[in-house]
Amino acid sequence: MYKTVSSKIKLFITVIIIVLSLIAIKKLVVDPQPVKDIKMNTVYICGFGNRYPVRTQSRYYIEFKDDKTYILMHDDSRRKKEDYFEDGYWSSPEIEMFFGSYEIKNGNYVLTLTERTGVEFKDVKAVKNKKINFFYRNKYKDGEKMTEKIFLTKKGNYVLGYSGDSVKSYDEKLPYYWLYNRSDIKKLSGSVEEFRKQFKMDKKAEQERLAEQERLAEQSQ
């Protein structure tokens, strides 16, 4: 009898060890991990705070190139319709791209902006159809230092954060985004032209946006 009980206890302990091992393996191998070593030509996803973004959350993507350039994308086109109503106002889904160069200082990546582009969608349905009502493109001939930088934290992982003129640390009172592997996008648009080709301009929606813009301008006078 005692041998039977002892065998059951050993079996139970073995099962517990196997389950815990599988959980640990899943967390280390399958689940997204904070980035502690930046590799060139690799797209990383950035979730708000220290969380990996869920499907309907906005997020950043960033990729560093061997030639000391970078591509940064802010994707705020994935939220649900009701999530675009904030503080009594409706906002619109949008995607922005930033192109430029970088330099590494004290382990942190300082970003200089040379070109910026973006598109806006009328609503979430337009996002699915890839129809836009606004497109812009700005160039910065002499380059412009970005307030966003990639910081190496004391924990050894990288964070996209805001710092003003500081290159040592990010302001935790402002939004910040941990870099994670397991990006759902493997390649970012390498130019403004490549980015723009993904979308079609909805002329009717564009005219509606311009009319609303003009109406608001008249009200403010």
N, C-alpha and C. Protein backbone atom coordinates (compact mmCIF):
# COMPACT_ATOMS: atom_id res chain seq x y z
N MET A 1 0.83 -1.22 0.00
CA MET A 1 0.00 0.00 0.00
C MET A 1 0.86 1.26 0.00
N TYR A 2 1.89 1.23 0.88
CA TYR A 2 2.77 2.40 0.97
C TYR A 2 3.52 2.64 -0.34
N LYS A 3 3.87 1.51 -1.01
CA LYS A 3 4.57 1.64 -2.28
C LYS A 3 3.66 2.27 -3.33
N THR A 4 2.38 1.90 -3.29
CA THR A 4 1.40 2.45 -4.24
C THR A 4 1.23 3.95 -4.03
N VAL A 5 1.10 4.36 -2.75
CA VAL A 5 0.97 5.78 -2.42
C VAL A 5 2.21 6.54 -2.84
N SER A 6 3.38 5.95 -2.55
CA SER A 6 4.65 6.59 -2.91
C SER A 6 4.77 6.75 -4.42
N SER A 7 4.33 5.74 -5.16
CA SER A 7 4.38 5.81 -6.62
C SER A 7 3.47 6.91 -7.16
N LYS A 8 2.29 7.05 -6.56
CA LYS A 8 1.35 8.08 -6.97
C LYS A 8 1.92 9.48 -6.71
N ILE A 9 2.58 9.61 -5.54
CA ILE A 9 3.18 10.91 -5.20
C ILE A 9 4.28 11.25 -6.20
N LYS A 10 5.12 10.26 -6.51
CA LYS A 10 6.20 10.48 -7.47
C LYS A 10 5.64 10.85 -8.85
N LEU A 11 4.57 10.15 -9.24
CA LEU A 11 3.94 10.44 -10.53
C LEU A 11 3.37 11.85 -10.55
N PHE A 12 2.73 12.24 -9.44
CA PHE A 12 2.15 13.58 -9.33
C PHE A 12 3.24 14.65 -9.42
N ILE A 13 4.34 14.43 -8.72
CA ILE A 13 5.46 15.38 -8.75
C ILE A 13 6.05 15.47 -10.15
N THR A 14 6.17 14.31 -10.81
CA THR A 14 6.71 14.29 -12.17
C THR A 14 5.83 15.08 -13.13
N VAL A 15 4.51 14.90 -13.00
CA VAL A 15 3.56 15.62 -13.85
C VAL A 15 3.68 17.13 -13.62
N ILE A 16 3.77 17.53 -12.34
CA ILE A 16 3.91 18.96 -12.01
C ILE A 16 5.17 19.53 -12.63
N ILE A 17 6.27 18.79 -12.54
CA ILE A 17 7.55 19.26 -13.10
C ILE A 17 7.44 19.41 -14.61
N ILE A 18 6.79 18.44 -15.27
CA ILE A 18 6.63 18.50 -16.73
C ILE A 18 5.78 19.70 -17.13
N VAL A 19 4.68 19.93 -16.41
CA VAL A 19 3.79 21.06 -16.71
C VAL A 19 4.52 22.38 -16.55
N LEU A 20 5.25 22.53 -15.43
CA LEU A 20 6.00 23.76 -15.18
C LEU A 20 7.09 23.96 -16.23
N SER A 21 7.71 22.88 -16.65
CA SER A 21 8.75 22.97 -17.68
C SER A 21 8.16 23.43 -19.01
N LEU A 22 6.98 22.89 -19.35
CA LEU A 22 6.32 23.30 -20.60
C LEU A 22 5.92 24.76 -20.57
N ILE A 23 5.45 25.22 -19.40
CA ILE A 23 5.08 26.64 -19.25
C ILE A 23 6.30 27.52 -19.43
N ALA A 24 7.42 27.11 -18.81
CA ALA A 24 8.66 27.88 -18.91
C ALA A 24 9.17 27.92 -20.34
N ILE A 25 9.11 26.78 -21.03
CA ILE A 25 9.55 26.72 -22.43
C ILE A 25 8.69 27.61 -23.31
N LYS A 26 7.37 27.57 -23.10
CA LYS A 26 6.46 28.42 -23.87
C LYS A 26 6.79 29.89 -23.67
N LYS A 27 7.04 30.27 -22.42
CA LYS A 27 7.31 31.67 -22.11
C LYS A 27 8.61 32.14 -22.75
N LEU A 28 9.62 31.27 -22.77
CA LEU A 28 10.93 31.65 -23.27
C LEU A 28 11.05 31.51 -24.79
N VAL A 29 10.35 30.53 -25.35
CA VAL A 29 10.52 30.23 -26.77
C VAL A 29 9.36 30.73 -27.63
N VAL A 30 8.14 30.54 -27.16
CA VAL A 30 6.96 30.87 -27.96
C VAL A 30 6.48 32.29 -27.73
N ASP A 31 6.35 32.70 -26.48
CA ASP A 31 5.82 34.03 -26.17
C ASP A 31 6.79 35.13 -26.60
N PRO A 32 6.27 36.30 -27.00
CA PRO A 32 7.14 37.43 -27.35
C PRO A 32 8.02 37.82 -26.17
N GLN A 33 9.26 38.20 -26.47
CA GLN A 33 10.21 38.56 -25.43
C GLN A 33 10.70 40.00 -25.63
N PRO A 34 10.95 40.71 -24.53
CA PRO A 34 11.55 42.05 -24.65
C PRO A 34 12.90 41.95 -25.35
N VAL A 35 13.19 42.93 -26.19
CA VAL A 35 14.42 42.91 -26.97
C VAL A 35 15.60 43.38 -26.12
N LYS A 36 16.63 42.54 -26.04
CA LYS A 36 17.84 42.88 -25.29
C LYS A 36 19.07 42.97 -26.19
N ASP A 37 18.89 42.63 -27.44
CA ASP A 37 19.98 42.70 -28.40
C ASP A 37 19.41 43.09 -29.75
N ILE A 38 19.69 44.30 -30.20
CA ILE A 38 19.14 44.79 -31.46
C ILE A 38 19.96 44.26 -32.63
N LYS A 39 19.27 43.62 -33.56
CA LYS A 39 19.89 43.10 -34.76
C LYS A 39 19.50 43.97 -35.95
N MET A 40 20.43 44.13 -36.86
CA MET A 40 20.17 44.94 -38.04
C MET A 40 19.18 44.23 -38.97
N ASN A 41 18.43 45.05 -39.72
CA ASN A 41 17.49 44.55 -40.73
C ASN A 41 16.44 43.61 -40.14
N THR A 42 16.06 43.89 -38.91
CA THR A 42 15.03 43.10 -38.21
C THR A 42 13.95 44.05 -37.71
N VAL A 43 12.70 43.73 -37.97
CA VAL A 43 11.59 44.58 -37.53
C VAL A 43 11.18 44.19 -36.12
N TYR A 44 11.14 45.20 -35.23
CA TYR A 44 10.69 44.99 -33.86
C TYR A 44 9.37 45.71 -33.65
N ILE A 45 8.51 45.12 -32.84
CA ILE A 45 7.22 45.71 -32.52
C ILE A 45 7.31 46.36 -31.14
N CYS A 46 6.65 47.50 -30.96
CA CYS A 46 6.73 48.24 -29.70
C CYS A 46 5.34 48.38 -29.10
N GLY A 47 5.13 47.82 -27.92
CA GLY A 47 3.85 47.88 -27.25
C GLY A 47 3.82 48.95 -26.19
N PHE A 48 2.65 49.53 -25.95
CA PHE A 48 2.52 50.62 -24.97
C PHE A 48 2.93 50.13 -23.59
N GLY A 49 3.76 50.94 -22.91
CA GLY A 49 4.26 50.54 -21.60
C GLY A 49 5.16 49.33 -21.75
N ASN A 50 4.96 48.34 -20.91
CA ASN A 50 5.78 47.13 -20.99
C ASN A 50 5.00 45.94 -21.54
N ARG A 51 3.90 46.22 -22.25
CA ARG A 51 3.03 45.14 -22.71
C ARG A 51 3.15 44.92 -24.22
N TYR A 52 3.11 43.67 -24.60
CA TYR A 52 3.05 43.34 -26.03
C TYR A 52 1.65 43.71 -26.53
N PRO A 53 1.55 44.44 -27.65
CA PRO A 53 0.23 44.92 -28.09
C PRO A 53 -0.71 43.81 -28.54
N VAL A 54 -1.96 43.91 -28.13
CA VAL A 54 -2.97 42.98 -28.64
C VAL A 54 -3.42 43.47 -30.01
N ARG A 55 -4.23 42.69 -30.68
CA ARG A 55 -4.58 42.93 -32.08
C ARG A 55 -5.19 44.31 -32.33
N THR A 56 -5.99 44.84 -31.39
CA THR A 56 -6.72 46.09 -31.62
C THR A 56 -6.05 47.30 -30.97
N GLN A 57 -4.79 47.19 -30.60
CA GLN A 57 -4.09 48.32 -29.99
C GLN A 57 -3.14 48.97 -31.00
N SER A 58 -2.94 50.28 -30.84
CA SER A 58 -1.95 50.96 -31.68
C SER A 58 -0.57 50.50 -31.25
N ARG A 59 0.40 50.67 -32.14
CA ARG A 59 1.74 50.22 -31.83
C ARG A 59 2.76 50.89 -32.76
N TYR A 60 4.03 50.77 -32.39
CA TYR A 60 5.13 51.22 -33.23
C TYR A 60 5.87 50.00 -33.77
N TYR A 61 6.53 50.21 -34.90
CA TYR A 61 7.46 49.23 -35.44
C TYR A 61 8.75 49.98 -35.75
N ILE A 62 9.88 49.32 -35.55
CA ILE A 62 11.14 49.98 -35.89
C ILE A 62 12.13 48.96 -36.44
N GLU A 63 12.92 49.43 -37.40
CA GLU A 63 13.94 48.59 -38.02
C GLU A 63 15.20 49.42 -38.23
N PHE A 64 16.34 48.88 -37.82
CA PHE A 64 17.62 49.54 -38.01
C PHE A 64 18.38 48.87 -39.15
N LYS A 65 19.00 49.70 -40.00
CA LYS A 65 19.72 49.19 -41.16
C LYS A 65 21.23 49.25 -40.94
N ASP A 66 21.96 48.45 -41.74
CA ASP A 66 23.42 48.42 -41.64
C ASP A 66 24.06 49.75 -42.01
N ASP A 67 23.37 50.55 -42.84
CA ASP A 67 23.95 51.81 -43.32
C ASP A 67 23.64 52.98 -42.38
N LYS A 68 23.31 52.67 -41.12
CA LYS A 68 23.04 53.69 -40.09
C LYS A 68 21.75 54.46 -40.35
N THR A 69 20.81 53.86 -41.05
CA THR A 69 19.49 54.46 -41.22
C THR A 69 18.46 53.62 -40.47
N TYR A 70 17.29 54.20 -40.28
CA TYR A 70 16.21 53.48 -39.59
C TYR A 70 14.88 53.76 -40.27
N ILE A 71 13.92 52.91 -39.99
CA ILE A 71 12.53 53.11 -40.41
C ILE A 71 11.66 52.93 -39.18
N LEU A 72 10.83 53.92 -38.89
CA LEU A 72 9.93 53.86 -37.73
C LEU A 72 8.50 54.04 -38.23
N MET A 73 7.60 53.18 -37.80
CA MET A 73 6.20 53.30 -38.20
C MET A 73 5.30 53.34 -36.97
N HIS A 74 4.37 54.30 -36.96
CA HIS A 74 3.35 54.36 -35.92
C HIS A 74 2.02 53.95 -36.55
N ASP A 75 1.49 52.83 -36.11
CA ASP A 75 0.25 52.29 -36.67
C ASP A 75 -0.89 52.48 -35.68
N ASP A 76 -1.74 53.45 -35.96
CA ASP A 76 -2.92 53.68 -35.12
C ASP A 76 -4.18 53.44 -35.95
N SER A 77 -4.16 52.36 -36.71
CA SER A 77 -5.29 52.05 -37.59
C SER A 77 -6.01 50.77 -37.17
N ARG A 78 -5.65 50.22 -36.03
CA ARG A 78 -6.15 48.88 -35.67
C ARG A 78 -7.22 48.89 -34.59
N ARG A 79 -7.52 50.05 -34.05
CA ARG A 79 -8.50 50.09 -32.96
C ARG A 79 -9.92 49.82 -33.46
N LYS A 80 -10.79 49.48 -32.52
CA LYS A 80 -12.21 49.32 -32.83
C LYS A 80 -12.84 50.69 -33.05
N LYS A 81 -13.98 50.73 -33.73
CA LYS A 81 -14.65 51.99 -34.05
C LYS A 81 -14.87 52.85 -32.81
N GLU A 82 -15.41 52.25 -31.75
CA GLU A 82 -15.74 53.01 -30.54
C GLU A 82 -14.50 53.54 -29.82
N ASP A 83 -13.34 52.93 -30.09
CA ASP A 83 -12.12 53.36 -29.41
C ASP A 83 -11.55 54.65 -30.00
N TYR A 84 -12.08 55.09 -31.13
CA TYR A 84 -11.62 56.35 -31.72
C TYR A 84 -12.40 57.55 -31.19
N PHE A 85 -13.32 57.30 -30.28
CA PHE A 85 -14.07 58.40 -29.64
C PHE A 85 -13.45 58.67 -28.28
N GLU A 86 -12.72 59.79 -28.18
CA GLU A 86 -12.00 60.11 -26.96
C GLU A 86 -12.24 61.57 -26.58
N ASP A 87 -12.47 61.79 -25.30
CA ASP A 87 -12.65 63.15 -24.77
C ASP A 87 -13.73 63.93 -25.52
N GLY A 88 -14.77 63.23 -25.94
CA GLY A 88 -15.89 63.90 -26.61
C GLY A 88 -15.69 64.16 -28.08
N TYR A 89 -14.59 63.64 -28.66
CA TYR A 89 -14.32 63.89 -30.08
C TYR A 89 -13.97 62.58 -30.78
N TRP A 90 -14.30 62.55 -32.08
CA TRP A 90 -13.91 61.42 -32.90
C TRP A 90 -12.56 61.69 -33.53
N SER A 91 -11.66 60.72 -33.44
CA SER A 91 -10.39 60.81 -34.17
C SER A 91 -10.45 59.82 -35.33
N SER A 92 -9.45 59.83 -36.16
CA SER A 92 -9.45 58.97 -37.35
C SER A 92 -8.29 57.99 -37.31
N PRO A 93 -8.47 56.82 -37.87
CA PRO A 93 -7.35 55.88 -37.98
C PRO A 93 -6.26 56.48 -38.85
N GLU A 94 -5.01 56.25 -38.50
CA GLU A 94 -3.91 56.79 -39.29
C GLU A 94 -2.66 55.93 -39.14
N ILE A 95 -1.78 56.06 -40.11
CA ILE A 95 -0.48 55.39 -40.08
C ILE A 95 0.57 56.42 -40.47
N GLU A 96 1.66 56.48 -39.71
CA GLU A 96 2.75 57.41 -40.01
C GLU A 96 4.06 56.65 -40.16
N MET A 97 4.90 57.15 -41.05
CA MET A 97 6.22 56.56 -41.28
C MET A 97 7.28 57.63 -41.08
N PHE A 98 8.40 57.24 -40.48
CA PHE A 98 9.52 58.14 -40.23
C PHE A 98 10.79 57.49 -40.78
N PHE A 99 11.55 58.27 -41.55
CA PHE A 99 12.80 57.77 -42.12
C PHE A 99 13.93 58.69 -41.68
N GLY A 100 15.10 58.11 -41.45
CA GLY A 100 16.22 58.96 -41.06
C GLY A 100 17.46 58.15 -40.73
N SER A 101 18.36 58.78 -39.99
CA SER A 101 19.61 58.14 -39.60
C SER A 101 19.68 58.03 -38.08
N TYR A 102 20.59 57.21 -37.60
CA TYR A 102 20.74 57.05 -36.15
C TYR A 102 22.21 56.99 -35.77
N GLU A 103 22.47 57.31 -34.53
CA GLU A 103 23.80 57.11 -33.95
C GLU A 103 23.63 56.55 -32.55
N ILE A 104 24.59 55.78 -32.11
CA ILE A 104 24.51 55.13 -30.81
C ILE A 104 25.36 55.90 -29.80
N LYS A 105 24.71 56.34 -28.71
CA LYS A 105 25.40 57.05 -27.63
C LYS A 105 25.07 56.39 -26.30
N ASN A 106 26.08 55.92 -25.63
CA ASN A 106 25.91 55.25 -24.33
C ASN A 106 24.93 54.08 -24.41
N GLY A 107 24.94 53.40 -25.55
CA GLY A 107 24.06 52.25 -25.72
C GLY A 107 22.66 52.61 -26.19
N ASN A 108 22.36 53.91 -26.28
CA ASN A 108 21.05 54.38 -26.72
C ASN A 108 21.10 54.80 -28.19
N TYR A 109 19.97 54.66 -28.87
CA TYR A 109 19.90 55.00 -30.29
C TYR A 109 19.24 56.37 -30.45
N VAL A 110 20.03 57.34 -30.90
CA VAL A 110 19.54 58.71 -31.11
C VAL A 110 19.10 58.83 -32.57
N LEU A 111 17.86 59.26 -32.78
CA LEU A 111 17.26 59.27 -34.12
C LEU A 111 17.22 60.68 -34.71
N THR A 112 17.64 60.79 -35.96
CA THR A 112 17.53 62.04 -36.72
C THR A 112 16.54 61.81 -37.87
N LEU A 113 15.56 62.69 -37.97
CA LEU A 113 14.50 62.56 -38.97
C LEU A 113 14.87 63.29 -40.26
N THR A 114 14.77 62.60 -41.40
CA THR A 114 15.02 63.24 -42.70
C THR A 114 13.77 63.28 -43.58
N GLU A 115 12.83 62.37 -43.32
CA GLU A 115 11.60 62.35 -44.11
C GLU A 115 10.47 61.72 -43.29
N ARG A 116 9.27 62.25 -43.51
CA ARG A 116 8.11 61.79 -42.75
C ARG A 116 6.90 61.74 -43.68
N THR A 117 6.08 60.73 -43.51
CA THR A 117 4.88 60.61 -44.34
C THR A 117 3.77 59.95 -43.54
N GLY A 118 2.55 60.09 -44.03
CA GLY A 118 1.45 59.47 -43.30
C GLY A 118 0.16 59.48 -44.11
N VAL A 119 -0.77 58.63 -43.70
CA VAL A 119 -2.08 58.58 -44.32
C VAL A 119 -3.15 58.56 -43.24
N GLU A 120 -4.33 59.02 -43.62
CA GLU A 120 -5.47 59.02 -42.69
C GLU A 120 -6.65 58.32 -43.37
N PHE A 121 -7.43 57.62 -42.59
CA PHE A 121 -8.60 56.91 -43.09
C PHE A 121 -9.87 57.54 -42.52
N LYS A 122 -10.95 57.50 -43.30
CA LYS A 122 -12.21 58.06 -42.83
C LYS A 122 -12.74 57.30 -41.62
N ASP A 123 -12.65 55.97 -41.66
CA ASP A 123 -13.16 55.13 -40.58
C ASP A 123 -12.51 53.75 -40.65
N VAL A 124 -12.92 52.85 -39.76
CA VAL A 124 -12.31 51.52 -39.70
C VAL A 124 -12.62 50.69 -40.95
N LYS A 125 -13.77 50.95 -41.57
CA LYS A 125 -14.11 50.24 -42.81
C LYS A 125 -13.14 50.62 -43.92
N ALA A 126 -12.77 51.90 -43.96
CA ALA A 126 -11.82 52.36 -44.97
C ALA A 126 -10.44 51.73 -44.76
N VAL A 127 -10.10 51.46 -43.50
CA VAL A 127 -8.82 50.80 -43.21
C VAL A 127 -8.78 49.43 -43.87
N LYS A 128 -9.86 48.68 -43.72
CA LYS A 128 -9.93 47.34 -44.31
C LYS A 128 -9.83 47.39 -45.83
N ASN A 129 -10.40 48.44 -46.42
CA ASN A 129 -10.38 48.58 -47.88
C ASN A 129 -9.15 49.31 -48.39
N LYS A 130 -8.30 49.76 -47.45
CA LYS A 130 -7.08 50.51 -47.78
C LYS A 130 -7.37 51.76 -48.61
N LYS A 131 -8.48 52.44 -48.24
CA LYS A 131 -8.85 53.69 -48.90
C LYS A 131 -8.62 54.85 -47.94
N ILE A 132 -7.87 55.84 -48.38
CA ILE A 132 -7.49 56.96 -47.52
C ILE A 132 -8.17 58.25 -47.97
N ASN A 133 -8.25 59.21 -47.03
CA ASN A 133 -8.80 60.52 -47.39
C ASN A 133 -7.77 61.63 -47.19
N PHE A 134 -6.54 61.23 -46.82
CA PHE A 134 -5.49 62.24 -46.62
C PHE A 134 -4.12 61.56 -46.71
N PHE A 135 -3.19 62.28 -47.36
CA PHE A 135 -1.81 61.81 -47.47
C PHE A 135 -0.90 63.02 -47.36
N TYR A 136 0.20 62.88 -46.63
CA TYR A 136 1.16 63.98 -46.55
C TYR A 136 2.58 63.45 -46.63
N ARG A 137 3.48 64.35 -46.95
CA ARG A 137 4.91 64.01 -47.03
C ARG A 137 5.73 65.24 -46.69
N ASN A 138 6.63 65.11 -45.74
CA ASN A 138 7.51 66.21 -45.35
C ASN A 138 8.97 65.76 -45.41
N LYS A 139 9.82 66.64 -45.93
CA LYS A 139 11.26 66.36 -45.96
C LYS A 139 11.99 67.34 -45.05
N TYR A 140 13.07 66.88 -44.45
CA TYR A 140 13.87 67.70 -43.56
C TYR A 140 15.30 67.69 -44.10
N LYS A 141 15.61 68.72 -44.87
CA LYS A 141 16.87 68.79 -45.61
C LYS A 141 18.08 68.63 -44.71
N ASP A 142 18.07 69.32 -43.59
CA ASP A 142 19.22 69.29 -42.68
C ASP A 142 19.07 68.26 -41.57
N GLY A 143 17.97 67.53 -41.60
CA GLY A 143 17.73 66.56 -40.54
C GLY A 143 17.20 67.22 -39.28
N GLU A 144 16.38 66.52 -38.55
CA GLU A 144 15.80 67.05 -37.32
C GLU A 144 15.85 65.99 -36.23
N LYS A 145 16.44 66.34 -35.10
CA LYS A 145 16.54 65.39 -34.00
C LYS A 145 15.14 65.07 -33.47
N MET A 146 14.86 63.79 -33.30
CA MET A 146 13.56 63.37 -32.79
C MET A 146 13.59 63.32 -31.27
N THR A 147 12.45 63.66 -30.66
CA THR A 147 12.37 63.57 -29.20
C THR A 147 12.27 62.10 -28.77
N GLU A 148 11.83 61.25 -29.71
CA GLU A 148 11.80 59.81 -29.43
C GLU A 148 13.19 59.22 -29.65
N LYS A 149 13.59 58.35 -28.74
CA LYS A 149 14.87 57.65 -28.85
C LYS A 149 14.67 56.21 -28.38
N ILE A 150 15.62 55.36 -28.72
CA ILE A 150 15.59 53.98 -28.24
C ILE A 150 16.60 53.88 -27.10
N PHE A 151 16.09 53.61 -25.91
CA PHE A 151 16.93 53.58 -24.71
C PHE A 151 17.18 52.15 -24.24
N LEU A 152 18.39 51.92 -23.76
CA LEU A 152 18.73 50.67 -23.10
C LEU A 152 18.50 50.86 -21.61
N THR A 153 17.56 50.12 -21.04
CA THR A 153 17.20 50.29 -19.63
C THR A 153 18.17 49.56 -18.71
N LYS A 154 18.02 49.81 -17.42
CA LYS A 154 18.85 49.14 -16.41
C LYS A 154 18.57 47.64 -16.38
N LYS A 155 17.37 47.25 -16.85
CA LYS A 155 17.02 45.83 -16.90
C LYS A 155 17.64 45.13 -18.11
N GLY A 156 18.24 45.94 -19.00
CA GLY A 156 18.91 45.34 -20.15
C GLY A 156 18.06 45.21 -21.40
N ASN A 157 16.83 45.76 -21.37
CA ASN A 157 15.98 45.71 -22.57
C ASN A 157 15.84 47.10 -23.17
N TYR A 158 15.37 47.15 -24.41
CA TYR A 158 15.26 48.42 -25.13
C TYR A 158 13.84 48.97 -25.10
N VAL A 159 13.75 50.31 -25.01
CA VAL A 159 12.47 51.01 -24.90
C VAL A 159 12.46 52.21 -25.85
N LEU A 160 11.34 52.40 -26.55
CA LEU A 160 11.12 53.62 -27.32
C LEU A 160 10.47 54.63 -26.38
N GLY A 161 11.19 55.72 -26.09
CA GLY A 161 10.66 56.69 -25.14
C GLY A 161 10.97 58.11 -25.53
N TYR A 162 10.40 59.05 -24.78
CA TYR A 162 10.60 60.48 -25.02
C TYR A 162 11.53 61.05 -23.95
N SER A 163 12.42 61.93 -24.38
CA SER A 163 13.39 62.44 -23.42
C SER A 163 13.74 63.91 -23.59
N GLY A 164 13.22 64.56 -24.61
CA GLY A 164 13.65 65.93 -24.87
C GLY A 164 15.08 65.93 -25.36
N ASP A 165 15.93 66.74 -24.75
CA ASP A 165 17.33 66.84 -25.17
C ASP A 165 18.22 65.78 -24.52
N SER A 166 17.72 65.08 -23.53
CA SER A 166 18.53 64.08 -22.84
C SER A 166 18.77 62.86 -23.72
N VAL A 167 19.96 62.30 -23.62
CA VAL A 167 20.25 61.05 -24.33
C VAL A 167 20.56 59.94 -23.34
N LYS A 168 20.26 60.19 -22.07
CA LYS A 168 20.61 59.21 -21.04
C LYS A 168 19.43 58.35 -20.61
N SER A 169 18.25 58.95 -20.51
CA SER A 169 17.10 58.18 -20.03
C SER A 169 15.80 58.77 -20.58
N TYR A 170 14.75 57.98 -20.54
CA TYR A 170 13.45 58.43 -21.03
C TYR A 170 12.58 58.87 -19.87
N ASP A 171 11.59 59.69 -20.16
CA ASP A 171 10.68 60.21 -19.15
C ASP A 171 9.54 59.21 -18.95
N GLU A 172 9.51 58.57 -17.79
CA GLU A 172 8.48 57.55 -17.52
C GLU A 172 7.10 58.15 -17.33
N LYS A 173 7.01 59.49 -17.21
CA LYS A 173 5.70 60.14 -17.08
C LYS A 173 5.03 60.30 -18.45
N LEU A 174 5.82 60.15 -19.50
CA LEU A 174 5.30 60.24 -20.87
C LEU A 174 5.15 58.83 -21.44
N PRO A 175 4.36 58.67 -22.50
CA PRO A 175 4.20 57.34 -23.08
C PRO A 175 5.54 56.73 -23.49
N TYR A 176 5.71 55.46 -23.22
CA TYR A 176 6.91 54.74 -23.64
C TYR A 176 6.50 53.34 -24.09
N TYR A 177 7.37 52.71 -24.87
CA TYR A 177 7.00 51.46 -25.53
C TYR A 177 8.18 50.48 -25.50
N TRP A 178 7.98 49.34 -24.90
CA TRP A 178 9.01 48.31 -24.91
C TRP A 178 9.11 47.68 -26.29
N LEU A 179 10.34 47.39 -26.71
CA LEU A 179 10.55 46.68 -27.96
C LEU A 179 10.42 45.18 -27.71
N TYR A 180 9.68 44.50 -28.60
CA TYR A 180 9.51 43.06 -28.50
C TYR A 180 9.89 42.39 -29.82
N ASN A 181 10.32 41.13 -29.71
CA ASN A 181 10.47 40.33 -30.92
C ASN A 181 9.08 39.82 -31.31
N ARG A 182 9.01 38.91 -32.23
CA ARG A 182 7.73 38.37 -32.69
C ARG A 182 6.85 39.44 -33.33
N SER A 183 7.45 40.29 -34.17
CA SER A 183 6.66 41.29 -34.88
C SER A 183 5.75 40.60 -35.89
N ASP A 184 4.52 41.10 -36.00
CA ASP A 184 3.59 40.54 -36.98
C ASP A 184 3.84 41.11 -38.37
N ILE A 185 4.75 42.07 -38.47
CA ILE A 185 5.18 42.60 -39.77
C ILE A 185 6.66 42.29 -39.93
N LYS A 186 7.03 41.67 -41.01
CA LYS A 186 8.42 41.27 -41.24
C LYS A 186 9.20 42.27 -42.08
N LYS A 187 8.48 43.14 -42.79
CA LYS A 187 9.15 44.11 -43.65
C LYS A 187 8.39 45.42 -43.64
N LEU A 188 9.10 46.52 -43.43
CA LEU A 188 8.50 47.85 -43.47
C LEU A 188 8.77 48.49 -44.83
N SER A 189 7.91 49.39 -45.23
CA SER A 189 8.11 50.12 -46.50
C SER A 189 9.44 50.85 -46.44
N GLY A 190 10.25 50.68 -47.49
CA GLY A 190 11.57 51.27 -47.49
C GLY A 190 11.63 52.69 -48.01
N SER A 191 10.50 53.22 -48.49
CA SER A 191 10.46 54.58 -49.02
C SER A 191 9.04 55.11 -48.95
N VAL A 192 8.91 56.42 -49.14
CA VAL A 192 7.58 57.04 -49.15
C VAL A 192 6.75 56.49 -50.29
N GLU A 193 7.39 56.33 -51.44
CA GLU A 193 6.68 55.84 -52.62
C GLU A 193 6.14 54.42 -52.40
N GLU A 194 6.96 53.58 -51.81
CA GLU A 194 6.53 52.20 -51.54
C GLU A 194 5.36 52.19 -50.55
N PHE A 195 5.43 53.06 -49.57
CA PHE A 195 4.36 53.16 -48.57
C PHE A 195 3.06 53.63 -49.21
N ARG A 196 3.15 54.68 -50.05
CA ARG A 196 1.96 55.29 -50.66
C ARG A 196 1.24 54.32 -51.60
N LYS A 197 1.99 53.45 -52.27
CA LYS A 197 1.39 52.52 -53.24
C LYS A 197 0.43 51.53 -52.61
N GLN A 198 0.47 51.39 -51.30
CA GLN A 198 -0.40 50.42 -50.63
C GLN A 198 -1.85 50.88 -50.55
N PHE A 199 -2.09 52.19 -50.77
CA PHE A 199 -3.42 52.76 -50.51
C PHE A 199 -3.99 53.46 -51.75
N LYS A 200 -5.32 53.54 -51.76
CA LYS A 200 -6.03 54.28 -52.81
C LYS A 200 -6.72 55.49 -52.19
N MET A 201 -6.63 56.62 -52.88
CA MET A 201 -7.28 57.83 -52.39
C MET A 201 -8.78 57.78 -52.67
N ASP A 202 -9.57 57.93 -51.62
CA ASP A 202 -11.03 57.99 -51.76
C ASP A 202 -11.40 59.46 -51.98
N LYS A 203 -11.66 59.84 -53.22
CA LYS A 203 -11.89 61.25 -53.56
C LYS A 203 -13.08 61.84 -52.82
N LYS A 204 -14.15 61.07 -52.70
CA LYS A 204 -15.34 61.56 -52.00
C LYS A 204 -15.03 61.82 -50.52
N ALA A 205 -14.34 60.87 -49.89
CA ALA A 205 -13.98 61.03 -48.48
C ALA A 205 -13.01 62.19 -48.30
N GLU A 206 -12.14 62.40 -49.29
CA GLU A 206 -11.19 63.51 -49.22
C GLU A 206 -11.94 64.84 -49.25
N GLN A 207 -12.93 64.97 -50.13
CA GLN A 207 -13.70 66.20 -50.22
C GLN A 207 -14.50 66.45 -48.94
N GLU A 208 -15.02 65.40 -48.35
CA GLU A 208 -15.75 65.53 -47.09
C GLU A 208 -14.83 66.02 -45.98
N ARG A 209 -13.61 65.51 -45.97
CA ARG A 209 -12.64 65.93 -44.95
C ARG A 209 -12.27 67.40 -45.13
N LEU A 210 -12.05 67.81 -46.38
CA LEU A 210 -11.69 69.20 -46.66
C LEU A 210 -12.83 70.15 -46.30
N ALA A 211 -14.07 69.73 -46.59
CA ALA A 211 -15.24 70.56 -46.26
C ALA A 211 -15.38 70.72 -44.75
N GLU A 212 -15.17 69.65 -44.02
CA GLU A 212 -15.24 69.71 -42.56
C GLU A 212 -14.12 70.56 -42.00
N GLN A 213 -12.96 70.47 -42.59
CA GLN A 213 -11.82 71.27 -42.17
C GLN A 213 -12.10 72.75 -42.38
N GLU A 214 -12.70 73.08 -43.52
CA GLU A 214 -13.05 74.48 -43.83
C GLU A 214 -14.13 74.99 -42.87
N ARG A 215 -15.10 74.14 -42.56
CA ARG A 215 -16.18 74.53 -41.65
C ARG A 215 -15.63 74.84 -40.25
N LEU A 216 -14.73 74.02 -39.78
CA LEU A 216 -14.14 74.23 -38.45
C LEU A 216 -13.27 75.49 -38.43
N ALA A 217 -12.60 75.75 -39.56
CA ALA A 217 -11.77 76.95 -39.65
C ALA A 217 -12.62 78.21 -39.58
N GLU A 218 -13.78 78.18 -40.23
CA GLU A 218 -14.69 79.33 -40.21
C GLU A 218 -15.27 79.54 -38.81
N GLN A 219 -15.54 78.46 -38.10
CA GLN A 219 -16.09 78.56 -36.75
C GLN A 219 -15.09 79.19 -35.78
N SER A 220 -13.82 78.93 -36.02
CA SER A 220 -12.79 79.42 -35.10
C SER A 220 -12.45 80.89 -35.32
N GLN A 221 -12.95 81.47 -36.42
CA GLN A 221 -12.65 82.88 -36.71
C GLN A 221 -13.53 83.82 -35.90
